[in-house]
């Protein structure tokens, strides 16, 4: 898969599953870029600076994206948590 194909597929999963789940907790997320199968995600709202953000990113977002999009190798937190 090309990075653009990965991005397109990731954006579908984000819109249908991840963003609604985060929104239910007052948060959100945006994919900032995809480079060689690595997806960079910026957390927003209640997720930004949250102590559980790392677990949300790795155990939630990364796990789901890897399961549903074959080209995803890793998800990196691209959020400025300060």
Protein backbone atom coordinates (compact mmCIF):
# COMPACT_ATOMS: atom_id res chain seq x y z
CA UNK A 1 0.00 0.00 0.00
CA UNK A 2 1.15 3.53 -0.70
CA UNK A 3 1.13 6.09 2.11
CA UNK A 4 -1.84 7.77 0.43
CA UNK A 5 -3.78 4.48 0.38
CA UNK A 6 -2.93 3.92 4.05
CA UNK A 7 -4.03 7.49 4.87
CA UNK A 8 -7.32 7.07 3.01
CA UNK A 9 -8.10 3.78 4.77
CA UNK A 10 -7.02 5.13 8.17
CA UNK A 11 -9.24 8.19 7.76
CA UNK A 12 -12.27 5.91 7.23
CA UNK A 13 -11.56 3.98 10.44
CA UNK A 14 -10.88 7.22 12.29
CA UNK A 15 -14.20 8.75 11.16
CA UNK A 16 -16.32 5.65 11.74
CA UNK A 17 -14.87 4.25 14.96
CA UNK A 18 -12.06 6.13 16.68
CA UNK A 19 -13.26 9.74 16.59
CA UNK A 20 -16.77 8.89 17.88
CA UNK A 21 -15.25 6.84 20.73
CA UNK A 22 -12.90 9.68 21.70
CA UNK A 23 -15.69 12.26 21.38
CA UNK A 24 -17.74 10.35 23.96
CA UNK A 25 -14.98 11.25 26.45
CA UNK A 26 -14.63 14.87 25.31
CA UNK A 27 -11.63 14.21 23.07
CA UNK A 28 -10.70 13.84 19.45
CA UNK A 29 -7.87 12.99 17.09
CA UNK A 30 -6.52 13.97 13.68
CA UNK A 31 -4.09 12.11 11.45
CA UNK A 32 -1.34 14.61 10.67
CA UNK A 33 0.62 12.45 8.20
CA UNK A 34 1.59 8.95 7.09
CA UNK A 35 5.23 8.13 6.29
CA UNK A 36 6.24 4.62 5.20
CA UNK A 37 3.28 3.07 6.99
CA UNK A 38 3.82 5.04 10.20
CA UNK A 39 0.68 7.00 11.12
CA UNK A 40 1.13 10.24 13.07
CA UNK A 41 -1.90 11.19 15.17
CA UNK A 42 -2.54 14.40 17.09
CA UNK A 43 -4.91 14.10 20.04
CA UNK A 44 -7.35 16.95 20.71
CA UNK A 45 -9.75 18.20 23.35
CA UNK A 46 -9.92 16.15 26.53
CA UNK A 47 -7.33 13.70 25.16
CA UNK A 48 -4.64 16.38 24.87
CA UNK A 49 -2.50 16.21 27.97
CA UNK A 50 -4.54 13.37 29.48
CA UNK A 51 -2.54 10.96 31.66
CA UNK A 52 -4.12 8.06 29.76
CA UNK A 53 -3.21 9.43 26.33
CA UNK A 54 -0.30 7.03 25.82
CA UNK A 55 -2.47 4.02 26.60
CA UNK A 56 -5.24 5.34 24.36
CA UNK A 57 -2.76 5.80 21.52
CA UNK A 58 -1.01 2.40 21.75
CA UNK A 59 -3.71 0.09 23.14
CA UNK A 60 -6.66 1.72 21.42
CA UNK A 61 -5.88 3.65 18.27
CA UNK A 62 -2.79 1.72 17.14
CA UNK A 63 -4.32 -1.70 17.84
CA UNK A 64 -7.51 -0.87 15.94
CA UNK A 65 -5.72 0.68 12.96
CA UNK A 66 -3.29 -2.25 12.65
CA UNK A 67 -6.21 -4.70 12.74
CA UNK A 68 -8.21 -2.88 10.06
CA UNK A 69 -5.58 -1.35 7.75
CA UNK A 70 -2.91 -3.75 6.51
CA UNK A 71 -0.38 -1.03 5.67
CA UNK A 72 -0.18 0.43 9.20
CA UNK A 73 3.15 -0.41 10.86
CA UNK A 74 2.99 1.90 13.87
CA UNK A 75 1.05 4.83 15.29
CA UNK A 76 3.03 7.74 16.73
CA UNK A 77 1.64 10.38 19.07
CA UNK A 78 2.20 13.72 17.29
CA UNK A 79 0.53 15.75 20.08
CA UNK A 80 2.13 18.58 22.00
CA UNK A 81 0.91 17.56 25.47
CA UNK A 82 2.18 20.73 27.13
